[in-house]
N, C-alpha and C. Protein backbone atom coordinates (compact mmCIF):
# COMPACT_ATOMS: atom_id res chain seq x y z
N MET A 1 -79.91 -7.23 46.08
CA MET A 1 -79.95 -6.41 47.19
C MET A 1 -78.73 -7.04 48.43
N MET A 2 -78.89 -8.79 48.39
CA MET A 2 -78.20 -9.09 49.11
C MET A 2 -76.30 -9.20 48.88
N THR A 3 -76.38 -9.41 47.59
CA THR A 3 -74.83 -9.37 46.84
C THR A 3 -74.19 -8.13 47.19
N ARG A 4 -75.16 -6.67 47.02
CA ARG A 4 -74.76 -5.71 47.34
C ARG A 4 -74.11 -5.75 48.90
N PHE A 5 -75.05 -5.74 49.69
CA PHE A 5 -74.94 -6.06 51.16
C PHE A 5 -73.56 -6.64 51.25
N TRP A 6 -73.49 -8.10 51.12
CA TRP A 6 -72.36 -8.54 51.65
C TRP A 6 -70.67 -7.95 50.95
N LEU A 7 -71.08 -7.57 49.71
CA LEU A 7 -69.98 -6.25 48.97
C LEU A 7 -69.43 -5.32 49.80
N VAL A 8 -70.28 -4.65 50.60
CA VAL A 8 -70.24 -3.59 51.35
C VAL A 8 -69.66 -3.87 52.87
N LEU A 9 -70.02 -4.96 53.27
CA LEU A 9 -69.29 -5.50 54.22
C LEU A 9 -67.69 -6.05 54.39
N ILE A 10 -67.75 -6.43 53.16
CA ILE A 10 -66.15 -7.12 52.92
C ILE A 10 -65.35 -5.60 52.80
N LEU A 11 -65.70 -4.75 52.21
CA LEU A 11 -65.23 -3.53 51.92
C LEU A 11 -65.26 -2.73 53.31
N PHE A 12 -65.75 -2.66 54.01
CA PHE A 12 -65.63 -2.38 55.39
C PHE A 12 -65.05 -2.68 56.51
N VAL A 13 -64.67 -4.08 56.16
CA VAL A 13 -63.83 -4.93 56.98
C VAL A 13 -62.28 -4.50 57.00
N THR A 14 -61.84 -4.79 55.36
CA THR A 14 -60.89 -4.71 54.88
C THR A 14 -60.46 -3.31 55.26
N ALA A 15 -61.20 -2.20 55.37
CA ALA A 15 -60.63 -0.50 55.60
C ALA A 15 -60.22 -0.79 56.90
N SER A 16 -61.07 -1.37 57.88
CA SER A 16 -60.69 -1.09 59.40
C SER A 16 -59.32 -2.07 59.88
N PHE A 17 -58.95 -2.89 58.85
CA PHE A 17 -57.88 -3.70 59.18
C PHE A 17 -56.71 -2.66 58.45
N GLY A 18 -57.09 -2.00 57.70
CA GLY A 18 -55.87 -1.15 57.13
C GLY A 18 -55.78 0.13 57.64
N ARG A 19 -56.88 0.65 58.39
CA ARG A 19 -56.45 1.58 59.60
C ARG A 19 -55.64 1.16 60.77
N VAL A 20 -55.99 -0.11 61.56
CA VAL A 20 -55.39 -0.74 61.90
C VAL A 20 -53.76 -0.76 62.09
N GLU A 21 -53.49 -1.32 60.86
CA GLU A 21 -51.98 -1.63 60.52
C GLU A 21 -51.15 -0.36 60.13
N ALA A 22 -51.96 0.65 60.01
CA ALA A 22 -51.33 1.85 59.83
C ALA A 22 -50.97 2.50 61.17
N GLN A 23 -52.00 2.55 62.06
CA GLN A 23 -51.79 2.73 63.69
C GLN A 23 -50.73 2.18 63.96
N GLU A 24 -50.37 1.01 63.67
CA GLU A 24 -49.35 0.30 64.13
C GLU A 24 -47.88 0.78 63.95
N ASN A 25 -47.98 0.92 62.30
CA ASN A 25 -46.51 1.36 61.73
C ASN A 25 -46.22 2.78 62.13
N ARG A 26 -47.12 3.66 62.63
CA ARG A 26 -47.00 4.93 62.57
C ARG A 26 -46.55 5.05 63.89
N ASN A 27 -46.90 4.32 65.16
CA ASN A 27 -46.31 4.44 66.55
C ASN A 27 -44.86 3.90 66.92
N GLY A 28 -44.21 3.17 65.22
CA GLY A 28 -42.93 3.34 65.34
C GLY A 28 -42.55 1.76 65.96
N PHE A 29 -44.03 0.78 66.39
CA PHE A 29 -43.36 -0.55 66.93
C PHE A 29 -44.45 -1.73 66.41
N ARG A 30 -44.12 -2.79 66.31
CA ARG A 30 -45.26 -3.86 66.15
C ARG A 30 -46.07 -4.05 67.00
N LEU A 31 -47.26 -3.89 66.88
CA LEU A 31 -48.46 -4.53 67.93
C LEU A 31 -48.27 -5.98 67.65
N ASP A 32 -48.49 -6.82 68.42
CA ASP A 32 -48.67 -8.36 68.33
C ASP A 32 -49.88 -8.44 68.65
N THR A 33 -51.08 -9.06 68.45
CA THR A 33 -52.16 -9.19 68.48
C THR A 33 -52.56 -10.63 69.24
N ILE A 34 -53.21 -10.71 70.16
CA ILE A 34 -53.54 -12.14 70.69
C ILE A 34 -55.08 -12.75 70.87
N TYR A 35 -55.29 -13.61 70.31
CA TYR A 35 -56.89 -13.52 70.02
C TYR A 35 -57.04 -15.17 71.22
N LYS A 36 -58.31 -14.88 71.98
CA LYS A 36 -58.40 -15.68 72.84
C LYS A 36 -59.81 -15.97 72.53
N SER A 37 -60.24 -17.25 72.76
CA SER A 37 -61.97 -17.53 72.29
C SER A 37 -62.78 -17.24 73.34
N GLY A 38 -63.73 -16.75 73.09
CA GLY A 38 -64.61 -16.02 74.26
C GLY A 38 -64.00 -14.60 74.73
N ALA A 39 -62.79 -14.28 74.33
CA ALA A 39 -62.21 -13.04 74.89
C ALA A 39 -62.53 -11.82 73.87
N LYS A 40 -62.25 -10.29 74.31
CA LYS A 40 -62.20 -9.63 73.36
C LYS A 40 -60.69 -9.44 73.04
N ARG A 41 -60.35 -8.78 71.69
CA ARG A 41 -59.10 -8.56 71.12
C ARG A 41 -58.13 -8.02 71.91
N GLN A 42 -57.25 -8.27 72.42
CA GLN A 42 -55.91 -7.71 73.49
C GLN A 42 -55.05 -7.35 72.43
N VAL A 43 -54.49 -6.25 72.92
CA VAL A 43 -53.13 -5.78 72.17
C VAL A 43 -51.96 -5.24 72.89
N VAL A 44 -50.89 -6.34 72.83
CA VAL A 44 -49.79 -6.27 73.34
C VAL A 44 -48.63 -5.60 72.86
N LYS A 45 -48.15 -4.62 73.78
CA LYS A 45 -46.87 -4.04 73.12
C LYS A 45 -45.45 -5.14 73.33
N ALA A 46 -44.83 -4.94 72.03
CA ALA A 46 -43.51 -6.20 72.05
C ALA A 46 -42.70 -5.19 72.65
N PRO A 47 -41.71 -5.74 73.49
CA PRO A 47 -40.75 -5.19 74.11
C PRO A 47 -40.02 -4.50 73.12
N VAL A 48 -39.39 -3.21 73.40
CA VAL A 48 -38.61 -2.37 72.29
C VAL A 48 -37.01 -2.81 73.02
N LYS A 49 -36.05 -2.83 72.50
CA LYS A 49 -34.92 -3.13 72.25
C LYS A 49 -33.84 -1.99 72.66
N LYS A 50 -33.53 -1.33 73.47
CA LYS A 50 -32.77 -0.45 73.65
C LYS A 50 -31.01 -0.38 73.36
N SER A 51 -30.79 0.26 72.35
CA SER A 51 -29.25 0.15 72.51
C SER A 51 -28.31 0.64 73.55
N VAL A 52 -27.48 -0.55 74.01
CA VAL A 52 -26.87 0.10 75.13
C VAL A 52 -25.20 0.67 74.47
N PRO A 53 -25.04 1.79 74.77
CA PRO A 53 -23.61 2.48 74.74
C PRO A 53 -22.50 1.86 75.00
N LEU A 54 -21.37 1.26 74.22
CA LEU A 54 -20.13 0.75 74.76
C LEU A 54 -19.42 1.18 75.55
N LYS A 55 -18.78 0.54 76.68
CA LYS A 55 -18.36 1.36 77.77
C LYS A 55 -16.66 1.75 77.08
N SER A 56 -16.16 2.56 77.34
CA SER A 56 -14.95 3.05 76.85
C SER A 56 -13.87 2.03 77.59
N SER A 57 -12.92 1.86 77.29
CA SER A 57 -11.88 1.13 78.07
C SER A 57 -11.46 2.13 78.72
N VAL A 58 -10.96 1.80 80.01
CA VAL A 58 -10.44 2.20 81.18
C VAL A 58 -8.70 2.39 80.87
N SER A 59 -7.90 3.03 80.72
CA SER A 59 -6.62 2.61 80.64
C SER A 59 -5.76 2.56 81.91
N ARG A 60 -4.78 2.02 81.56
CA ARG A 60 -4.11 1.38 82.80
C ARG A 60 -3.40 2.66 83.60
N LYS A 61 -3.81 2.76 85.01
CA LYS A 61 -3.14 3.83 85.83
C LYS A 61 -1.82 3.28 86.27
N THR A 62 -0.89 4.19 86.28
CA THR A 62 0.36 3.66 86.75
C THR A 62 0.51 4.39 88.15
N GLY A 63 1.24 3.22 88.89
CA GLY A 63 1.37 3.77 90.43
C GLY A 63 2.03 4.95 90.73
N LYS A 64 1.79 5.40 91.80
CA LYS A 64 3.03 6.69 91.96
C LYS A 64 3.96 6.18 92.74
N TRP A 65 3.96 4.63 93.45
CA TRP A 65 5.18 4.36 94.03
C TRP A 65 6.41 4.03 92.66
N THR A 66 7.54 4.01 93.17
CA THR A 66 8.55 3.58 91.96
C THR A 66 9.55 3.07 92.90
N LEU A 67 9.97 2.06 92.34
CA LEU A 67 11.59 1.47 92.65
C LEU A 67 12.60 1.55 91.58
N SER A 68 13.51 2.22 92.22
CA SER A 68 14.60 2.53 91.30
C SER A 68 16.02 1.99 91.93
N GLY A 69 16.98 2.51 91.14
CA GLY A 69 18.23 1.87 91.63
C GLY A 69 19.09 1.86 90.29
N SER A 70 20.57 2.17 90.89
CA SER A 70 21.93 2.17 89.70
C SER A 70 22.84 1.36 90.19
N CYS A 71 23.57 0.92 89.54
CA CYS A 71 24.51 0.18 89.53
C CYS A 71 25.73 0.22 88.71
N GLY A 72 27.02 0.44 89.23
CA GLY A 72 28.04 0.65 88.64
C GLY A 72 29.29 0.21 88.77
N MET A 73 30.13 -0.50 87.85
CA MET A 73 31.31 -1.39 88.36
C MET A 73 32.41 -1.21 87.13
N SER A 74 33.63 -1.02 87.94
CA SER A 74 34.65 -0.86 87.07
C SER A 74 35.93 -1.64 87.53
N PHE A 75 36.33 -2.15 86.81
CA PHE A 75 37.91 -3.44 87.30
C PHE A 75 38.82 -2.70 86.41
N GLY A 76 40.03 -3.10 87.32
CA GLY A 76 41.55 -2.96 86.78
C GLY A 76 42.63 -2.61 88.10
N ASP A 77 43.38 -1.46 87.51
CA ASP A 77 44.26 -1.05 88.60
C ASP A 77 43.11 -0.24 89.64
N TYR A 78 42.03 -0.02 89.25
CA TYR A 78 41.25 0.76 89.99
C TYR A 78 40.13 0.17 89.59
N THR A 79 39.51 -0.22 90.92
CA THR A 79 38.24 -1.35 91.26
C THR A 79 37.07 -0.44 91.68
N SER A 80 36.05 -0.36 91.19
CA SER A 80 34.84 0.52 91.76
C SER A 80 33.75 -0.26 91.58
N VAL A 81 32.93 -0.48 92.70
CA VAL A 81 31.42 -1.14 92.75
C VAL A 81 30.37 -0.03 93.58
N ASP A 82 29.58 0.04 92.92
CA ASP A 82 28.46 0.81 93.40
C ASP A 82 27.18 0.30 92.98
N VAL A 83 26.38 0.24 94.47
CA VAL A 83 24.94 -0.36 93.99
C VAL A 83 23.74 0.63 94.97
N SER A 84 23.15 0.94 94.20
CA SER A 84 22.37 2.02 95.24
C SER A 84 20.99 1.66 95.05
N PRO A 85 19.70 0.95 95.51
CA PRO A 85 18.27 0.80 95.60
C PRO A 85 17.73 1.90 95.83
N GLN A 86 16.38 2.10 95.51
CA GLN A 86 16.08 3.42 96.07
C GLN A 86 14.31 2.96 95.86
N ILE A 87 13.55 3.45 97.12
CA ILE A 87 11.94 3.47 96.96
C ILE A 87 11.61 5.23 96.76
N GLY A 88 10.62 5.35 96.07
CA GLY A 88 10.40 6.83 96.41
C GLY A 88 8.61 6.92 95.65
N TYR A 89 8.05 8.13 96.17
CA TYR A 89 6.76 8.26 95.81
C TYR A 89 6.63 9.58 94.89
N ARG A 90 5.81 9.62 93.96
CA ARG A 90 5.55 10.62 93.01
C ARG A 90 4.34 11.38 93.19
N TRP A 91 4.40 12.40 93.50
CA TRP A 91 3.34 13.15 93.89
C TRP A 91 2.67 13.72 92.41
N ASN A 92 3.26 14.42 91.79
CA ASN A 92 2.81 14.45 90.36
C ASN A 92 3.62 14.43 89.47
N GLU A 93 3.80 14.92 88.04
CA GLU A 93 4.48 14.77 87.12
C GLU A 93 5.96 15.30 87.38
N PHE A 94 6.01 16.53 88.34
CA PHE A 94 6.94 17.48 88.47
C PHE A 94 7.83 17.14 89.47
N PHE A 95 7.18 16.44 90.86
CA PHE A 95 7.83 16.13 91.85
C PHE A 95 7.94 14.67 92.56
N SER A 96 9.01 13.96 92.96
CA SER A 96 9.17 12.78 93.27
C SER A 96 10.31 12.99 94.79
N ALA A 97 10.24 12.20 95.50
CA ALA A 97 11.16 12.11 96.64
C ALA A 97 10.64 10.58 97.25
N GLY A 98 12.07 10.55 98.02
CA GLY A 98 11.84 9.03 98.55
C GLY A 98 13.38 8.86 99.45
N GLY A 99 14.04 7.43 99.63
CA GLY A 99 15.04 7.30 100.07
C GLY A 99 15.39 5.91 99.69
N GLY A 100 16.70 5.47 100.18
CA GLY A 100 17.23 4.07 99.71
C GLY A 100 18.67 3.70 100.53
N VAL A 101 19.31 2.93 100.27
CA VAL A 101 20.29 2.23 100.95
C VAL A 101 21.53 2.60 99.75
N SER A 102 22.67 2.72 99.98
CA SER A 102 23.96 2.40 99.22
C SER A 102 24.81 1.36 99.65
N TYR A 103 25.55 0.92 98.77
CA TYR A 103 27.01 0.40 99.20
C TYR A 103 28.10 0.80 97.80
N ASN A 104 29.11 1.13 98.59
CA ASN A 104 30.20 1.66 97.43
C ASN A 104 31.59 0.74 98.18
N TYR A 105 32.40 0.03 96.98
CA TYR A 105 33.65 -0.56 97.16
C TYR A 105 34.55 0.10 96.43
N HIS A 106 35.39 0.70 97.00
CA HIS A 106 36.71 1.48 95.80
C HIS A 106 38.20 0.71 96.38
N HIS A 107 38.77 0.25 95.28
CA HIS A 107 40.20 -0.17 95.54
C HIS A 107 41.01 0.25 94.66
N SER A 108 42.35 0.50 95.01
CA SER A 108 43.46 0.80 94.07
C SER A 108 44.77 0.04 94.69
N SER A 109 45.47 -0.37 93.81
CA SER A 109 46.67 -1.28 93.79
C SER A 109 47.81 -0.61 94.87
N ASN A 110 47.88 -1.04 96.01
CA ASN A 110 49.05 -0.25 96.98
C ASN A 110 48.47 1.05 97.32
N ARG A 111 47.22 1.23 97.31
CA ARG A 111 46.66 2.48 97.88
C ARG A 111 45.88 2.40 98.97
N TYR A 112 44.78 2.27 98.44
CA TYR A 112 43.48 1.73 99.46
C TYR A 112 42.34 1.00 99.05
N ASP A 113 41.78 0.53 99.95
CA ASP A 113 40.81 -0.44 99.93
C ASP A 113 39.75 -0.31 100.97
N MET A 114 38.61 0.41 100.20
CA MET A 114 37.20 0.92 101.17
C MET A 114 36.19 0.44 101.23
N ASN A 115 35.57 0.38 102.13
CA ASN A 115 33.99 -0.18 101.72
C ASN A 115 33.34 1.10 102.44
N TYR A 116 31.99 1.47 101.88
CA TYR A 116 31.08 2.52 102.16
C TYR A 116 29.56 1.68 102.30
N LEU A 117 29.17 1.92 103.22
CA LEU A 117 27.76 1.64 103.57
C LEU A 117 26.92 2.46 104.13
N GLY A 118 25.80 2.86 103.74
CA GLY A 118 24.95 4.07 103.83
C GLY A 118 23.45 4.15 103.27
N VAL A 119 22.73 5.04 104.07
CA VAL A 119 21.52 5.52 103.77
C VAL A 119 21.35 6.88 102.85
N ASN A 120 20.28 6.81 102.31
CA ASN A 120 20.17 8.31 102.15
C ASN A 120 18.27 8.78 101.68
N VAL A 121 18.57 10.08 101.28
CA VAL A 121 16.83 10.62 101.15
C VAL A 121 17.12 11.28 99.69
N PHE A 122 16.13 11.57 98.99
CA PHE A 122 16.33 12.22 97.52
C PHE A 122 15.07 13.16 97.50
N GLY A 123 15.27 14.08 96.81
CA GLY A 123 14.19 14.88 96.28
C GLY A 123 14.57 15.32 94.51
N ARG A 124 13.70 14.94 93.97
CA ARG A 124 13.63 15.11 92.32
C ARG A 124 12.70 16.03 92.09
N VAL A 125 13.09 16.98 91.06
CA VAL A 125 12.00 18.17 90.31
C VAL A 125 12.03 17.81 88.98
N ASN A 126 10.86 17.87 88.04
CA ASN A 126 11.27 17.48 86.53
C ASN A 126 10.87 18.87 86.10
N PRO A 127 11.33 20.05 86.06
CA PRO A 127 10.93 21.12 85.41
C PRO A 127 10.36 21.08 83.93
N VAL A 128 11.20 19.93 82.86
CA VAL A 128 10.22 19.93 81.79
C VAL A 128 10.67 18.50 81.59
N ARG A 129 10.01 18.00 80.42
CA ARG A 129 9.94 16.49 80.05
C ARG A 129 11.57 16.20 79.84
N TYR A 130 12.09 15.17 80.47
CA TYR A 130 12.98 14.30 79.76
C TYR A 130 14.35 14.93 80.60
N ILE A 131 13.78 15.88 81.65
CA ILE A 131 14.84 16.72 82.29
C ILE A 131 14.65 16.75 83.88
N ALA A 132 15.77 16.09 84.74
CA ALA A 132 15.32 16.04 86.01
C ALA A 132 16.66 16.81 86.78
N LEU A 133 16.46 17.47 87.90
CA LEU A 133 17.14 17.98 88.93
C LEU A 133 17.06 17.31 90.30
N GLN A 134 18.21 16.91 91.11
CA GLN A 134 18.15 16.05 92.05
C GLN A 134 19.12 16.55 93.26
N ILE A 135 18.65 16.35 94.50
CA ILE A 135 19.65 16.43 95.43
C ILE A 135 19.37 15.41 96.66
N GLN A 136 20.64 14.69 96.82
CA GLN A 136 20.61 13.47 98.00
C GLN A 136 21.62 13.78 98.80
N PRO A 137 20.83 13.95 100.18
CA PRO A 137 21.63 13.67 101.45
C PRO A 137 22.06 12.59 101.45
N GLU A 138 23.46 12.32 102.21
CA GLU A 138 23.67 10.70 102.46
C GLU A 138 24.63 10.83 103.72
N LEU A 139 24.37 9.55 104.27
CA LEU A 139 25.31 9.37 105.40
C LEU A 139 25.60 8.01 105.20
N LYS A 140 27.01 7.59 105.28
CA LYS A 140 27.86 6.48 104.84
C LYS A 140 28.57 6.09 106.48
N GLY A 141 28.87 5.01 106.34
CA GLY A 141 29.69 4.35 107.33
C GLY A 141 30.80 3.90 106.34
N SER A 142 31.98 4.13 106.83
CA SER A 142 33.25 3.76 106.23
C SER A 142 34.04 3.16 106.77
N TRP A 143 34.90 1.87 106.26
CA TRP A 143 35.81 1.19 106.73
C TRP A 143 36.80 0.60 105.69
N GLY A 144 38.48 0.16 105.90
CA GLY A 144 38.95 -0.25 105.15
C GLY A 144 40.50 -0.38 105.62
N LYS A 145 41.12 0.16 104.58
CA LYS A 145 42.56 0.40 105.01
C LYS A 145 43.28 1.59 103.67
N SER A 146 44.20 2.46 104.18
CA SER A 146 45.03 3.14 103.06
C SER A 146 46.29 3.07 103.44
N TYR A 147 47.01 2.67 102.17
CA TYR A 147 48.38 2.13 102.39
C TYR A 147 48.90 1.74 103.02
N GLU A 148 48.33 0.18 103.59
CA GLU A 148 48.49 -0.66 104.43
C GLU A 148 48.23 -0.39 105.55
N LYS A 149 47.56 0.81 106.03
CA LYS A 149 47.28 1.24 107.20
C LYS A 149 45.37 1.15 107.41
N LYS A 150 45.22 0.57 108.33
CA LYS A 150 43.96 0.05 108.96
C LYS A 150 43.07 1.19 109.15
N ILE A 151 41.77 1.44 108.56
CA ILE A 151 41.02 2.43 108.67
C ILE A 151 39.87 1.83 109.70
N ASP A 152 39.82 2.61 110.90
CA ASP A 152 38.46 2.41 111.69
C ASP A 152 37.15 2.90 111.31
N PHE A 153 36.25 2.12 111.43
CA PHE A 153 34.70 2.60 111.32
C PHE A 153 34.51 4.18 111.67
N ARG A 154 34.18 4.96 110.64
CA ARG A 154 33.61 6.23 110.86
C ARG A 154 32.64 6.60 109.75
N TYR A 155 31.85 7.52 110.25
CA TYR A 155 30.79 8.39 109.61
C TYR A 155 31.29 9.33 108.68
N VAL A 156 30.59 9.39 107.30
CA VAL A 156 31.13 10.14 106.46
C VAL A 156 29.59 10.95 105.82
N PRO A 157 29.62 12.11 105.80
CA PRO A 157 28.48 13.05 105.46
C PRO A 157 28.80 13.34 104.16
N THR A 158 27.48 13.09 102.91
CA THR A 158 27.84 13.61 101.68
C THR A 158 26.53 14.16 101.20
N MET A 159 26.55 14.82 100.21
CA MET A 159 25.31 15.43 99.64
C MET A 159 25.45 15.68 98.28
N LEU A 160 25.04 14.93 97.39
CA LEU A 160 24.83 14.92 95.71
C LEU A 160 23.65 15.77 95.14
N VAL A 161 24.56 16.74 94.58
CA VAL A 161 23.27 17.29 93.96
C VAL A 161 23.55 17.73 92.44
N GLY A 162 22.75 17.76 91.54
CA GLY A 162 22.94 17.16 89.96
C GLY A 162 21.90 17.06 89.14
N GLY A 163 21.96 16.94 88.09
CA GLY A 163 20.80 16.59 87.34
C GLY A 163 21.09 15.61 85.86
N GLY A 164 20.10 15.85 85.22
CA GLY A 164 20.51 14.77 84.04
C GLY A 164 19.23 14.73 83.15
N GLY A 165 19.08 13.79 82.33
CA GLY A 165 17.92 13.25 81.37
C GLY A 165 17.50 12.06 81.64
N VAL A 166 16.26 11.76 81.63
CA VAL A 166 15.06 10.83 82.13
C VAL A 166 14.42 10.44 80.70
N ILE A 167 14.42 9.12 80.19
CA ILE A 167 13.68 8.66 79.33
C ILE A 167 12.32 7.84 79.25
N PRO A 168 11.14 8.29 79.43
CA PRO A 168 10.21 7.24 79.74
C PRO A 168 10.50 5.78 79.03
N THR A 169 9.83 4.87 79.43
CA THR A 169 9.35 3.84 79.02
C THR A 169 8.12 3.49 79.57
N GLY A 170 7.90 2.04 79.10
CA GLY A 170 6.50 1.55 78.98
C GLY A 170 6.12 1.03 80.66
N THR A 171 7.18 0.60 81.41
CA THR A 171 6.96 0.76 82.42
C THR A 171 7.69 1.45 83.74
N GLY A 172 8.51 2.44 83.21
CA GLY A 172 9.05 3.39 84.22
C GLY A 172 10.14 3.95 83.26
N SER A 173 11.34 4.42 83.60
CA SER A 173 11.95 5.23 83.18
C SER A 173 13.70 4.94 83.17
N ILE A 174 14.42 5.35 82.22
CA ILE A 174 15.54 5.34 82.24
C ILE A 174 16.38 6.76 82.82
N SER A 175 17.20 6.75 83.53
CA SER A 175 17.81 8.23 83.57
C SER A 175 19.46 7.90 83.78
N VAL A 176 19.84 9.27 83.14
CA VAL A 176 21.45 9.29 83.07
C VAL A 176 21.50 10.52 83.91
N MET A 177 22.28 10.50 85.34
CA MET A 177 22.35 11.74 86.36
C MET A 177 23.86 11.96 86.10
N PHE A 178 24.31 13.33 86.79
CA PHE A 178 25.78 13.60 86.93
C PHE A 178 25.36 14.76 87.96
N TYR A 179 26.41 14.03 89.28
CA TYR A 179 26.37 14.51 90.61
C TYR A 179 27.57 15.11 90.96
N TYR A 180 27.50 15.93 92.07
CA TYR A 180 28.77 16.53 93.03
C TYR A 180 28.45 16.73 94.08
N ASP A 181 29.62 16.14 94.94
CA ASP A 181 29.34 16.32 96.42
C ASP A 181 29.65 17.48 96.76
N VAL A 182 28.68 18.18 97.31
CA VAL A 182 29.15 19.61 97.61
C VAL A 182 29.68 19.76 99.33
N ILE A 183 29.51 18.64 99.79
CA ILE A 183 30.17 18.45 101.42
C ILE A 183 31.74 18.64 101.48
N GLN A 184 32.22 17.30 100.73
CA GLN A 184 33.44 17.56 100.41
C GLN A 184 34.31 17.20 101.68
N ASP A 185 33.75 16.06 102.18
CA ASP A 185 34.20 15.44 103.50
C ASP A 185 35.68 14.98 102.99
N GLN A 186 36.52 14.64 103.79
CA GLN A 186 37.90 14.14 103.35
C GLN A 186 37.59 12.72 103.21
N TYR A 187 36.94 12.14 103.69
CA TYR A 187 36.84 10.46 103.84
C TYR A 187 35.83 10.30 102.31
N SER A 188 35.04 11.47 101.90
CA SER A 188 33.95 10.95 100.89
C SER A 188 34.48 10.12 99.75
N PRO A 189 33.56 9.00 99.27
CA PRO A 189 34.18 8.18 98.20
C PRO A 189 34.14 8.78 96.88
N TYR A 190 33.36 10.23 96.77
CA TYR A 190 33.21 10.89 95.46
C TYR A 190 34.41 11.74 95.58
N GLY A 191 34.97 12.10 96.44
CA GLY A 191 36.07 13.16 96.19
C GLY A 191 35.89 14.33 95.35
N LYS A 192 36.61 15.00 94.32
CA LYS A 192 36.09 16.22 94.01
C LYS A 192 35.63 15.97 92.50
N ASN A 193 35.31 14.85 92.09
CA ASN A 193 35.00 14.54 90.97
C ASN A 193 33.53 14.31 90.69
N TRP A 194 33.09 14.72 89.47
CA TRP A 194 31.47 14.45 89.01
C TRP A 194 31.36 12.93 88.88
N VAL A 195 30.53 12.64 89.49
CA VAL A 195 29.90 11.49 89.33
C VAL A 195 28.56 11.24 88.60
N CYS A 196 28.92 10.02 87.49
CA CYS A 196 27.84 9.51 86.50
C CYS A 196 27.17 8.57 87.10
N SER A 197 25.68 8.49 87.02
CA SER A 197 24.86 7.33 87.55
C SER A 197 23.94 7.00 86.38
N VAL A 198 24.08 5.82 86.23
CA VAL A 198 22.74 5.07 85.14
C VAL A 198 21.94 4.22 85.79
N GLY A 199 20.43 4.81 85.63
CA GLY A 199 19.80 3.67 86.66
C GLY A 199 18.21 3.53 85.73
N TYR A 200 17.43 2.91 86.67
CA TYR A 200 16.31 2.47 85.80
C TYR A 200 15.35 2.28 87.18
N SER A 201 14.04 3.19 86.72
CA SER A 201 13.15 3.26 87.77
C SER A 201 11.58 2.45 87.28
N PHE A 202 10.93 1.79 88.13
CA PHE A 202 9.95 0.95 87.97
C PHE A 202 8.69 1.74 88.46
N ASN A 203 7.42 1.79 87.82
CA ASN A 203 6.59 2.05 88.44
C ASN A 203 5.71 0.97 89.25
N LEU A 204 5.18 0.76 90.61
CA LEU A 204 4.53 0.02 91.16
C LEU A 204 3.11 -0.19 91.08
C-alpha cells in the first residue's frame, strides 16, 4: 500500500509541472520562477524585447537660394571680358528670380575702349525640364573712349530676353543661354547681336 501511495504522488507532481510548462509556452513567453525560502512561489514575467523599426534615411534637401554667375573672355583685335555674378531664390521647380552685378570690357584696336559696370534683376521660368526662359533688365554705367575721343560716364539701360538649356548637376546646374537686348540703346554693349552666356549655378 505504501509503495502504491508514493507512486501515485510522483505521477501527480510530474503531471502538475507538465501543465505549468505547457501554460508558459502557450502564452508566448518564458516565465522565470523565483524561489525564496519560507515564501510562496512567485512568477515573474521576463521583459519582452520589442522590435524597433529602422528609421529611413532622410534625403539631403537642397536649399532654395542659388549662387550663379557667368564669365566670358575673348582676345585679339577684338577683346571682350564679361563677368556677372548673381544670387537668386527658387520658389519652386518652375520659377526663380534674383539679381546681381556685372562688368563688361570691350576693346577694338583704334576704334573703342569701353567699360560697363551695372546692376541687374532677373526672372526665370522653366516650362519643362532642361529648358529655361529668362528676362533680365539692367542699368549700366559706361565710360571710356571711341576713336580716340573720351566718352564721359553715362547710364545705359538694357533688357536681355532669351532662353536656353539647363543641365542639372549634383550641386547645382550648368546653363547655356542666348539673349537679345530689346531696348537697343545706342550705347548698349550688346548691339544688335545675340549674346551667348555660359554659367554655373550653386545650391546654397
